[in-house]
Amino acid sequence: MDPIKYFTFSMIISISGIRGILLNRRNIPIMSMPIESMLLAVNVNFLVFSVSSDDMMGQSFGSLVPTVAVAESAIGLAIFVITFRVRGTIAVEFINSIQG
């Protein structure tokens, strides 16, 4: 197994996720999708390191990453719904007026 190919693939996914966040700053649900792709890149790294070093810890962490992604999506969706009910929009330009 050649891990360089997988690390290159993971790096491409991660860079495209960073570009997705930086280039799309208007729609919050669309901004959360690149975060999920960056978590996928981390998951690929965990699995490749696990297989290349014959250690099960990477695979166990690889199974925890989707759990974190699902929790992050659920909390983000709840925030979107509450913001839409209060403000009537989920545009990023109007989010900075939220006070805690």
PDB file of N, CA and C in Angstrom:
ATOM      1  N   MET A   1       0.843  -1.189   0.000  1.00  0.00           N
ATOM      2  CA  MET A   1       0.000   0.000   0.000  1.00  0.00           C
ATOM      3  C   MET A   1       0.882   1.244   0.000  1.00  0.00           C
ATOM      4  N   ASP A   2       0.559   2.141  -0.887  1.00  0.00           N
ATOM      5  CA  ASP A   2       1.310   3.387  -0.990  1.00  0.00           C
ATOM      6  C   ASP A   2       0.515   4.499  -0.311  1.00  0.00           C
ATOM      7  N   PRO A   3       0.913   4.916   0.901  1.00  0.00           N
ATOM      8  CA  PRO A   3       0.121   5.922   1.614  1.00  0.00           C
ATOM      9  C   PRO A   3       0.200   7.319   1.014  1.00  0.00           C
ATOM     10  N   ILE A   4       1.207   7.573   0.174  1.00  0.00           N
ATOM     11  CA  ILE A   4       1.353   8.918  -0.398  1.00  0.00           C
ATOM     12  C   ILE A   4       0.147   9.276  -1.250  1.00  0.00           C
ATOM     13  N   LYS A   5      -0.407   8.320  -1.982  1.00  0.00           N
ATOM     14  CA  LYS A   5      -1.591   8.591  -2.806  1.00  0.00           C
ATOM     15  C   LYS A   5      -2.778   9.005  -1.939  1.00  0.00           C
ATOM     16  N   TYR A   6      -2.943   8.297  -0.828  1.00  0.00           N
ATOM     17  CA  TYR A   6      -4.071   8.593   0.049  1.00  0.00           C
ATOM     18  C   TYR A   6      -3.888   9.920   0.776  1.00  0.00           C
ATOM     19  N   PHE A   7      -2.644  10.232   1.159  1.00  0.00           N
ATOM     20  CA  PHE A   7      -2.396  11.521   1.801  1.00  0.00           C
ATOM     21  C   PHE A   7      -2.604  12.669   0.819  1.00  0.00           C
ATOM     22  N   THR A   8      -2.235  12.451  -0.434  1.00  0.00           N
ATOM     23  CA  THR A   8      -2.474  13.472  -1.455  1.00  0.00           C
ATOM     24  C   THR A   8      -3.967  13.682  -1.666  1.00  0.00           C
ATOM     25  N   PHE A   9      -4.718  12.579  -1.711  1.00  0.00           N
ATOM     26  CA  PHE A   9      -6.172  12.669  -1.840  1.00  0.00           C
ATOM     27  C   PHE A   9      -6.777  13.417  -0.653  1.00  0.00           C
ATOM     28  N   SER A  10      -6.298  13.104   0.547  1.00  0.00           N
ATOM     29  CA  SER A  10      -6.795  13.770   1.746  1.00  0.00           C
ATOM     30  C   SER A  10      -6.446  15.256   1.740  1.00  0.00           C
ATOM     31  N   MET A  11      -5.249  15.582   1.274  1.00  0.00           N
ATOM     32  CA  MET A  11      -4.847  16.984   1.215  1.00  0.00           C
ATOM     33  C   MET A  11      -5.702  17.753   0.209  1.00  0.00           C
ATOM     34  N   ILE A  12      -6.016  17.131  -0.919  1.00  0.00           N
ATOM     35  CA  ILE A  12      -6.864  17.789  -1.923  1.00  0.00           C
ATOM     36  C   ILE A  12      -8.256  18.038  -1.356  1.00  0.00           C
ATOM     37  N   ILE A  13      -8.816  17.059  -0.643  1.00  0.00           N
ATOM     38  CA  ILE A  13     -10.136  17.240  -0.030  1.00  0.00           C
ATOM     39  C   ILE A  13     -10.099  18.354   1.004  1.00  0.00           C
ATOM     40  N   SER A  14      -9.035  18.379   1.818  1.00  0.00           N
ATOM     41  CA  SER A  14      -8.927  19.397   2.856  1.00  0.00           C
ATOM     42  C   SER A  14      -8.779  20.800   2.254  1.00  0.00           C
ATOM     43  N   ILE A  15      -7.967  20.934   1.226  1.00  0.00           N
ATOM     44  CA  ILE A  15      -7.788  22.244   0.591  1.00  0.00           C
ATOM     45  C   ILE A  15      -9.070  22.703  -0.083  1.00  0.00           C
ATOM     46  N   SER A  16      -9.795  21.773  -0.703  1.00  0.00           N
ATOM     47  CA  SER A  16     -11.072  22.168  -1.308  1.00  0.00           C
ATOM     48  C   SER A  16     -12.084  22.566  -0.236  1.00  0.00           C
ATOM     49  N   GLY A  17     -12.024  21.942   0.941  1.00  0.00           N
ATOM     50  CA  GLY A  17     -12.895  22.359   2.037  1.00  0.00           C
ATOM     51  C   GLY A  17     -12.566  23.751   2.542  1.00  0.00           C
ATOM     52  N   ILE A  18     -11.279  24.049   2.661  1.00  0.00           N
ATOM     53  CA  ILE A  18     -10.871  25.394   3.088  1.00  0.00           C
ATOM     54  C   ILE A  18     -11.301  26.427   2.055  1.00  0.00           C
ATOM     55  N   ARG A  19     -11.114  26.106   0.778  1.00  0.00           N
ATOM     56  CA  ARG A  19     -11.557  27.025  -0.283  1.00  0.00           C
ATOM     57  C   ARG A  19     -13.070  27.214  -0.249  1.00  0.00           C
ATOM     58  N   GLY A  20     -13.802  26.139   0.030  1.00  0.00           N
ATOM     59  CA  GLY A  20     -15.255  26.238   0.095  1.00  0.00           C
ATOM     60  C   GLY A  20     -15.724  27.167   1.198  1.00  0.00           C
ATOM     61  N   ILE A  21     -15.039  27.138   2.331  1.00  0.00           N
ATOM     62  CA  ILE A  21     -15.408  28.034   3.428  1.00  0.00           C
ATOM     63  C   ILE A  21     -15.042  29.470   3.093  1.00  0.00           C
ATOM     64  N   LEU A  22     -13.866  29.667   2.531  1.00  0.00           N
ATOM     65  CA  LEU A  22     -13.422  31.031   2.249  1.00  0.00           C
ATOM     66  C   LEU A  22     -14.168  31.681   1.091  1.00  0.00           C
ATOM     67  N   LEU A  23     -14.569  30.893   0.100  1.00  0.00           N
ATOM     68  CA  LEU A  23     -15.221  31.469  -1.074  1.00  0.00           C
ATOM     69  C   LEU A  23     -16.722  31.649  -0.905  1.00  0.00           C
ATOM     70  N   ASN A  24     -17.348  30.871  -0.038  1.00  0.00           N
ATOM     71  CA  ASN A  24     -18.794  30.960   0.124  1.00  0.00           C
ATOM     72  C   ASN A  24     -19.114  31.442   1.525  1.00  0.00           C
ATOM     73  N   ARG A  25     -19.330  32.712   1.663  1.00  0.00           N
ATOM     74  CA  ARG A  25     -19.625  33.274   2.976  1.00  0.00           C
ATOM     75  C   ARG A  25     -21.018  33.885   3.042  1.00  0.00           C
ATOM     76  N   ARG A  26     -21.929  33.410   2.215  1.00  0.00           N
ATOM     77  CA  ARG A  26     -23.267  33.992   2.225  1.00  0.00           C
ATOM     78  C   ARG A  26     -24.318  33.053   2.775  1.00  0.00           C
ATOM     79  N   ASN A  27     -24.163  31.780   2.568  1.00  0.00           N
ATOM     80  CA  ASN A  27     -25.193  30.825   2.940  1.00  0.00           C
ATOM     81  C   ASN A  27     -24.625  29.872   3.982  1.00  0.00           C
ATOM     82  N   ILE A  28     -25.191  29.890   5.177  1.00  0.00           N
ATOM     83  CA  ILE A  28     -24.640  29.099   6.275  1.00  0.00           C
ATOM     84  C   ILE A  28     -24.754  27.596   6.038  1.00  0.00           C
ATOM     85  N   PRO A  29     -25.863  27.061   5.556  1.00  0.00           N
ATOM     86  CA  PRO A  29     -25.877  25.605   5.315  1.00  0.00           C
ATOM     87  C   PRO A  29     -24.852  25.157   4.278  1.00  0.00           C
ATOM     88  N   ILE A  30     -24.616  25.984   3.273  1.00  0.00           N
ATOM     89  CA  ILE A  30     -23.599  25.648   2.284  1.00  0.00           C
ATOM     90  C   ILE A  30     -22.206  25.756   2.901  1.00  0.00           C
ATOM     91  N   MET A  31     -22.017  26.651   3.863  1.00  0.00           N
ATOM     92  CA  MET A  31     -20.728  26.774   4.535  1.00  0.00           C
ATOM     93  C   MET A  31     -20.426  25.567   5.413  1.00  0.00           C
ATOM     94  N   SER A  32     -21.446  24.859   5.868  1.00  0.00           N
ATOM     95  CA  SER A  32     -21.192  23.702   6.732  1.00  0.00           C
ATOM     96  C   SER A  32     -20.766  22.468   5.935  1.00  0.00           C
ATOM     97  N   MET A  33     -21.062  22.432   4.649  1.00  0.00           N
ATOM     98  CA  MET A  33     -20.666  21.269   3.840  1.00  0.00           C
ATOM     99  C   MET A  33     -19.151  21.139   3.676  1.00  0.00           C
ATOM    100  N   PRO A  34     -18.389  22.215   3.458  1.00  0.00           N
ATOM    101  CA  PRO A  34     -16.930  22.046   3.410  1.00  0.00           C
ATOM    102  C   PRO A  34     -16.334  21.573   4.738  1.00  0.00           C
ATOM    103  N   ILE A  35     -16.971  21.919   5.845  1.00  0.00           N
ATOM    104  CA  ILE A  35     -16.492  21.425   7.133  1.00  0.00           C
ATOM    105  C   ILE A  35     -16.624  19.908   7.184  1.00  0.00           C
ATOM    106  N   GLU A  36     -17.719  19.394   6.643  1.00  0.00           N
ATOM    107  CA  GLU A  36     -17.898  17.939   6.592  1.00  0.00           C
ATOM    108  C   GLU A  36     -16.848  17.297   5.691  1.00  0.00           C
ATOM    109  N   SER A  37     -16.492  17.943   4.593  1.00  0.00           N
ATOM    110  CA  SER A  37     -15.464  17.365   3.724  1.00  0.00           C
ATOM    111  C   SER A  37     -14.097  17.390   4.401  1.00  0.00           C
ATOM    112  N   MET A  38     -13.817  18.414   5.218  1.00  0.00           N
ATOM    113  CA  MET A  38     -12.553  18.423   5.952  1.00  0.00           C
ATOM    114  C   MET A  38     -12.525  17.322   7.009  1.00  0.00           C
ATOM    115  N   LEU A  39     -13.662  17.041   7.631  1.00  0.00           N
ATOM    116  CA  LEU A  39     -13.723  15.913   8.557  1.00  0.00           C
ATOM    117  C   LEU A  39     -13.503  14.596   7.824  1.00  0.00           C
ATOM    118  N   LEU A  40     -13.983  14.500   6.593  1.00  0.00           N
ATOM    119  CA  LEU A  40     -13.723  13.312   5.788  1.00  0.00           C
ATOM    120  C   LEU A  40     -12.233  13.158   5.508  1.00  0.00           C
ATOM    121  N   ALA A  41     -11.540  14.259   5.239  1.00  0.00           N
ATOM    122  CA  ALA A  41     -10.104  14.200   5.005  1.00  0.00           C
ATOM    123  C   ALA A  41      -9.360  13.735   6.257  1.00  0.00           C
ATOM    124  N   VAL A  42      -9.778  14.206   7.413  1.00  0.00           N
ATOM    125  CA  VAL A  42      -9.175  13.750   8.667  1.00  0.00           C
ATOM    126  C   VAL A  42      -9.429  12.261   8.858  1.00  0.00           C
ATOM    127  N   ASN A  43     -10.616  11.820   8.526  1.00  0.00           N
ATOM    128  CA  ASN A  43     -10.963  10.410   8.662  1.00  0.00           C
ATOM    129  C   ASN A  43     -10.097   9.547   7.743  1.00  0.00           C
ATOM    130  N   VAL A  44      -9.866   9.992   6.526  1.00  0.00           N
ATOM    131  CA  VAL A  44      -8.994   9.255   5.600  1.00  0.00           C
ATOM    132  C   VAL A  44      -7.579   9.171   6.161  1.00  0.00           C
ATOM    133  N   ASN A  45      -7.081  10.268   6.743  1.00  0.00           N
ATOM    134  CA  ASN A  45      -5.751  10.247   7.349  1.00  0.00           C
ATOM    135  C   ASN A  45      -5.677   9.256   8.503  1.00  0.00           C
ATOM    136  N   PHE A  46      -6.691   9.253   9.360  1.00  0.00           N
ATOM    137  CA  PHE A  46      -6.714   8.293  10.467  1.00  0.00           C
ATOM    138  C   PHE A  46      -6.644   6.860   9.951  1.00  0.00           C
ATOM    139  N   LEU A  47      -7.431   6.563   8.934  1.00  0.00           N
ATOM    140  CA  LEU A  47      -7.473   5.195   8.431  1.00  0.00           C
ATOM    141  C   LEU A  47      -6.174   4.798   7.737  1.00  0.00           C
ATOM    142  N   VAL A  48      -5.571   5.709   6.993  1.00  0.00           N
ATOM    143  CA  VAL A  48      -4.316   5.382   6.304  1.00  0.00           C
ATOM    144  C   VAL A  48      -3.188   5.180   7.313  1.00  0.00           C
ATOM    145  N   PHE A  49      -3.103   6.053   8.321  1.00  0.00           N
ATOM    146  CA  PHE A  49      -2.085   5.865   9.346  1.00  0.00           C
ATOM    147  C   PHE A  49      -2.311   4.565  10.105  1.00  0.00           C
ATOM    148  N   SER A  50      -3.550   4.214  10.340  1.00  0.00           N
ATOM    149  CA  SER A  50      -3.861   2.980  11.051  1.00  0.00           C
ATOM    150  C   SER A  50      -3.436   1.759  10.262  1.00  0.00           C
ATOM    151  N   VAL A  51      -3.740   1.742   8.978  1.00  0.00           N
ATOM    152  CA  VAL A  51      -3.386   0.582   8.158  1.00  0.00           C
ATOM    153  C   VAL A  51      -1.875   0.502   7.952  1.00  0.00           C
ATOM    154  N   SER A  52      -1.225   1.648   7.749  1.00  0.00           N
ATOM    155  CA  SER A  52       0.218   1.618   7.485  1.00  0.00           C
ATOM    156  C   SER A  52       1.032   1.259   8.720  1.00  0.00           C
ATOM    157  N   SER A  53       0.515   1.541   9.914  1.00  0.00           N
ATOM    158  CA  SER A  53       1.262   1.213  11.137  1.00  0.00           C
ATOM    159  C   SER A  53       0.725  -0.021  11.862  1.00  0.00           C
ATOM    160  N   ASP A  54      -0.249  -0.717  11.282  1.00  0.00           N
ATOM    161  CA  ASP A  54      -0.862  -1.912  11.884  1.00  0.00           C
ATOM    162  C   ASP A  54      -1.349  -1.647  13.309  1.00  0.00           C
ATOM    163  N   ASP A  55      -2.052  -0.551  13.484  1.00  0.00           N
ATOM    164  CA  ASP A  55      -2.586  -0.180  14.791  1.00  0.00           C
ATOM    165  C   ASP A  55      -4.078   0.076  14.655  1.00  0.00           C
ATOM    166  N   MET A  56      -4.845  -0.391  15.609  1.00  0.00           N
ATOM    167  CA  MET A  56      -6.298  -0.249  15.545  1.00  0.00           C
ATOM    168  C   MET A  56      -6.798   1.096  16.076  1.00  0.00           C
ATOM    169  N   MET A  57      -5.937   1.895  16.688  1.00  0.00           N
ATOM    170  CA  MET A  57      -6.390   3.170  17.253  1.00  0.00           C
ATOM    171  C   MET A  57      -6.889   4.125  16.170  1.00  0.00           C
ATOM    172  N   GLY A  58      -6.236   4.137  15.045  1.00  0.00           N
ATOM    173  CA  GLY A  58      -6.678   5.004  13.954  1.00  0.00           C
ATOM    174  C   GLY A  58      -8.044   4.614  13.439  1.00  0.00           C
ATOM    175  N   GLN A  59      -8.315   3.317  13.399  1.00  0.00           N
ATOM    176  CA  GLN A  59      -9.625   2.870  12.942  1.00  0.00           C
ATOM    177  C   GLN A  59     -10.701   3.172  13.976  1.00  0.00           C
ATOM    178  N   SER A  60     -10.342   3.114  15.249  1.00  0.00           N
ATOM    179  CA  SER A  60     -11.332   3.474  16.267  1.00  0.00           C
ATOM    180  C   SER A  60     -11.616   4.974  16.235  1.00  0.00           C
ATOM    181  N   PHE A  61     -10.585   5.793  16.043  1.00  0.00           N
ATOM    182  CA  PHE A  61     -10.816   7.227  15.879  1.00  0.00           C
ATOM    183  C   PHE A  61     -11.570   7.507  14.585  1.00  0.00           C
ATOM    184  N   GLY A  62     -11.297   6.712  13.562  1.00  0.00           N
ATOM    185  CA  GLY A  62     -12.012   6.853  12.299  1.00  0.00           C
ATOM    186  C   GLY A  62     -13.495   6.574  12.436  1.00  0.00           C
ATOM    187  N   SER A  63     -13.871   5.734  13.377  1.00  0.00           N
ATOM    188  CA  SER A  63     -15.300   5.493  13.615  1.00  0.00           C
ATOM    189  C   SER A  63     -15.920   6.584  14.476  1.00  0.00           C
ATOM    190  N   LEU A  64     -15.106   7.342  15.206  1.00  0.00           N
ATOM    191  CA  LEU A  64     -15.639   8.431  16.022  1.00  0.00           C
ATOM    192  C   LEU A  64     -15.845   9.715  15.227  1.00  0.00           C
ATOM    193  N   VAL A  65     -15.107   9.905  14.148  1.00  0.00           N
ATOM    194  CA  VAL A  65     -15.219  11.128  13.355  1.00  0.00           C
ATOM    195  C   VAL A  65     -16.619  11.304  12.772  1.00  0.00           C
ATOM    196  N   PRO A  66     -17.249  10.263  12.181  1.00  0.00           N
ATOM    197  CA  PRO A  66     -18.627  10.463  11.706  1.00  0.00           C
ATOM    198  C   PRO A  66     -19.610  10.783  12.832  1.00  0.00           C
ATOM    199  N   THR A  67     -19.351  10.278  14.027  1.00  0.00           N
ATOM    200  CA  THR A  67     -20.214  10.608  15.166  1.00  0.00           C
ATOM    201  C   THR A  67     -20.124  12.086  15.498  1.00  0.00           C
ATOM    202  N   VAL A  68     -18.926  12.623  15.484  1.00  0.00           N
ATOM    203  CA  VAL A  68     -18.741  14.055  15.725  1.00  0.00           C
ATOM    204  C   VAL A  68     -19.380  14.871  14.606  1.00  0.00           C
ATOM    205  N   ALA A  69     -19.259  14.390  13.376  1.00  0.00           N
ATOM    206  CA  ALA A  69     -19.852  15.105  12.233  1.00  0.00           C
ATOM    207  C   ALA A  69     -21.372  15.145  12.341  1.00  0.00           C
ATOM    208  N   VAL A  70     -21.975  14.043  12.765  1.00  0.00           N
ATOM    209  CA  VAL A  70     -23.438  14.008  12.915  1.00  0.00           C
ATOM    210  C   VAL A  70     -23.878  14.936  14.037  1.00  0.00           C
ATOM    211  N   ALA A  71     -23.147  14.940  15.146  1.00  0.00           N
ATOM    212  CA  ALA A  71     -23.504  15.835  16.260  1.00  0.00           C
ATOM    213  C   ALA A  71     -23.354  17.297  15.848  1.00  0.00           C
ATOM    214  N   GLU A  72     -22.291  17.594  15.118  1.00  0.00           N
ATOM    215  CA  GLU A  72     -22.085  18.965  14.650  1.00  0.00           C
ATOM    216  C   GLU A  72     -23.186  19.393  13.690  1.00  0.00           C
ATOM    217  N   SER A  73     -23.611  18.496  12.824  1.00  0.00           N
ATOM    218  CA  SER A  73     -24.690  18.814  11.884  1.00  0.00           C
ATOM    219  C   SER A  73     -26.013  19.026  12.603  1.00  0.00           C
ATOM    220  N   ALA A  74     -26.296  18.214  13.604  1.00  0.00           N
ATOM    221  CA  ALA A  74     -27.553  18.355  14.337  1.00  0.00           C
ATOM    222  C   ALA A  74     -27.590  19.668  15.110  1.00  0.00           C
ATOM    223  N   ILE A  75     -26.505  20.020  15.765  1.00  0.00           N
ATOM    224  CA  ILE A  75     -26.458  21.277  16.517  1.00  0.00           C
ATOM    225  C   ILE A  75     -26.525  22.469  15.558  1.00  0.00           C
ATOM    226  N   GLY A  76     -25.795  22.370  14.437  1.00  0.00           N
ATOM    227  CA  GLY A  76     -25.843  23.450  13.448  1.00  0.00           C
ATOM    228  C   GLY A  76     -27.224  23.635  12.860  1.00  0.00           C
ATOM    229  N   LEU A  77     -27.913  22.539  12.572  1.00  0.00           N
ATOM    230  CA  LEU A  77     -29.271  22.628  12.030  1.00  0.00           C
ATOM    231  C   LEU A  77     -30.229  23.248  13.045  1.00  0.00           C
ATOM    232  N   ALA A  78     -30.069  22.905  14.312  1.00  0.00           N
ATOM    233  CA  ALA A  78     -30.906  23.518  15.352  1.00  0.00           C
ATOM    234  C   ALA A  78     -30.649  25.021  15.441  1.00  0.00           C
ATOM    235  N   ILE A  79     -29.396  25.426  15.334  1.00  0.00           N
ATOM    236  CA  ILE A  79     -29.068  26.858  15.353  1.00  0.00           C
ATOM    237  C   ILE A  79     -29.658  27.552  14.138  1.00  0.00           C
ATOM    238  N   PHE A  80     -29.601  26.906  12.959  1.00  0.00           N
ATOM    239  CA  PHE A  80     -30.184  27.488  11.755  1.00  0.00           C
ATOM    240  C   PHE A  80     -31.682  27.690  11.915  1.00  0.00           C
ATOM    241  N   VAL A  81     -32.370  26.699  12.449  1.00  0.00           N
ATOM    242  CA  VAL A  81     -33.829  26.783  12.594  1.00  0.00           C
ATOM    243  C   VAL A  81     -34.205  27.891  13.571  1.00  0.00           C
ATOM    244  N   ILE A  82     -33.508  27.972  14.696  1.00  0.00           N
ATOM    245  CA  ILE A  82     -33.806  29.019  15.679  1.00  0.00           C
ATOM    246  C   ILE A  82     -33.504  30.395  15.109  1.00  0.00           C
ATOM    247  N   THR A  83     -32.387  30.521  14.405  1.00  0.00           N
ATOM    248  CA  THR A  83     -32.048  31.807  13.795  1.00  0.00           C
ATOM    249  C   THR A  83     -33.069  32.200  12.744  1.00  0.00           C
ATOM    250  N   PHE A  84     -33.523  31.245  11.946  1.00  0.00           N
ATOM    251  CA  PHE A  84     -34.521  31.561  10.927  1.00  0.00           C
ATOM    252  C   PHE A  84     -35.847  31.962  11.557  1.00  0.00           C
ATOM    253  N   ARG A  85     -36.228  31.322  12.656  1.00  0.00           N
ATOM    254  CA  ARG A  85     -37.482  31.697  13.325  1.00  0.00           C
ATOM    255  C   ARG A  85     -37.405  33.085  13.931  1.00  0.00           C
ATOM    256  N   VAL A  86     -36.258  33.444  14.490  1.00  0.00           N
ATOM    257  CA  VAL A  86     -36.121  34.749  15.140  1.00  0.00           C
ATOM    258  C   VAL A  86     -35.906  35.859  14.120  1.00  0.00           C
ATOM    259  N   ARG A  87     -34.990  35.652  13.181  1.00  0.00           N
ATOM    260  CA  ARG A  87     -34.597  36.699  12.238  1.00  0.00           C
ATOM    261  C   ARG A  87     -35.366  36.670  10.924  1.00  0.00           C
ATOM    262  N   GLY A  88     -35.852  35.503  10.518  1.00  0.00           N
ATOM    263  CA  GLY A  88     -36.523  35.390   9.231  1.00  0.00           C
ATOM    264  C   GLY A  88     -35.574  35.120   8.083  1.00  0.00           C
ATOM    265  N   THR A  89     -34.273  35.064   8.359  1.00  0.00           N
ATOM    266  CA  THR A  89     -33.276  34.766   7.339  1.00  0.00           C
ATOM    267  C   THR A  89     -32.080  34.094   8.001  1.00  0.00           C
ATOM    268  N   ILE A  90     -31.325  33.361   7.193  1.00  0.00           N
ATOM    269  CA  ILE A  90     -30.089  32.773   7.708  1.00  0.00           C
ATOM    270  C   ILE A  90     -28.895  33.274   6.905  1.00  0.00           C
ATOM    271  N   ALA A  91     -29.033  34.471   6.341  1.00  0.00           N
ATOM    272  CA  ALA A  91     -27.933  35.078   5.596  1.00  0.00           C
ATOM    273  C   ALA A  91     -26.821  35.475   6.563  1.00  0.00           C
ATOM    274  N   VAL A  92     -25.595  35.282   6.149  1.00  0.00           N
ATOM    275  CA  VAL A  92     -24.450  35.533   7.019  1.00  0.00           C
ATOM    276  C   VAL A  92     -24.308  37.016   7.349  1.00  0.00           C
ATOM    277  N   GLU A  93     -24.745  37.894   6.451  1.00  0.00           N
ATOM    278  CA  GLU A  93     -24.601  39.327   6.694  1.00  0.00           C
ATOM    279  C   GLU A  93     -25.380  39.781   7.923  1.00  0.00           C
ATOM    280  N   PHE A  94     -26.465  39.084   8.236  1.00  0.00           N
ATOM    281  CA  PHE A  94     -27.309  39.505   9.354  1.00  0.00           C
ATOM    282  C   PHE A  94     -26.996  38.745  10.636  1.00  0.00           C
ATOM    283  N   ILE A  95     -26.128  37.769  10.596  1.00  0.00           N
ATOM    284  CA  ILE A  95     -25.821  36.981  11.768  1.00  0.00           C
ATOM    285  C   ILE A  95     -24.970  37.762  12.763  1.00  0.00           C
ATOM    286  N   ASN A  96     -24.156  38.705  12.303  1.00  0.00           N
ATOM    287  CA  ASN A  96     -23.270  39.421  13.209  1.00  0.00           C
ATOM    288  C   ASN A  96     -24.037  40.305  14.190  1.00  0.00           C
ATOM    289  N   SER A  97     -25.312  40.494  14.004  1.00  0.00           N
ATOM    290  CA  SER A  97     -26.092  41.309  14.941  1.00  0.00           C
ATOM    291  C   SER A  97     -26.655  40.487  16.090  1.00  0.00           C
ATOM    292  N   ILE A  98     -26.362  39.191  16.132  1.00  0.00           N
ATOM    293  CA  ILE A  98     -26.836  38.349  17.239  1.00  0.00           C
ATOM    294  C   ILE A  98     -25.993  38.647  18.470  1.00  0.00           C
ATOM    295  N   GLN A  99     -26.673  38.901  19.578  1.00  0.00           N
ATOM    296  CA  GLN A  99     -25.973  39.180  20.825  1.00  0.00           C
ATOM    297  C   GLN A  99     -26.327  38.096  21.824  1.00  0.00           C
ATOM    298  N   GLY A 100     -25.324  37.637  22.561  1.00  0.00           N
ATOM    299  CA  GLY A 100     -25.514  36.549  23.502  1.00  0.00           C
ATOM    300  C   GLY A 100     -25.968  37.040  24.798  1.00  0.00           C
TER     301      GLY A 100
END
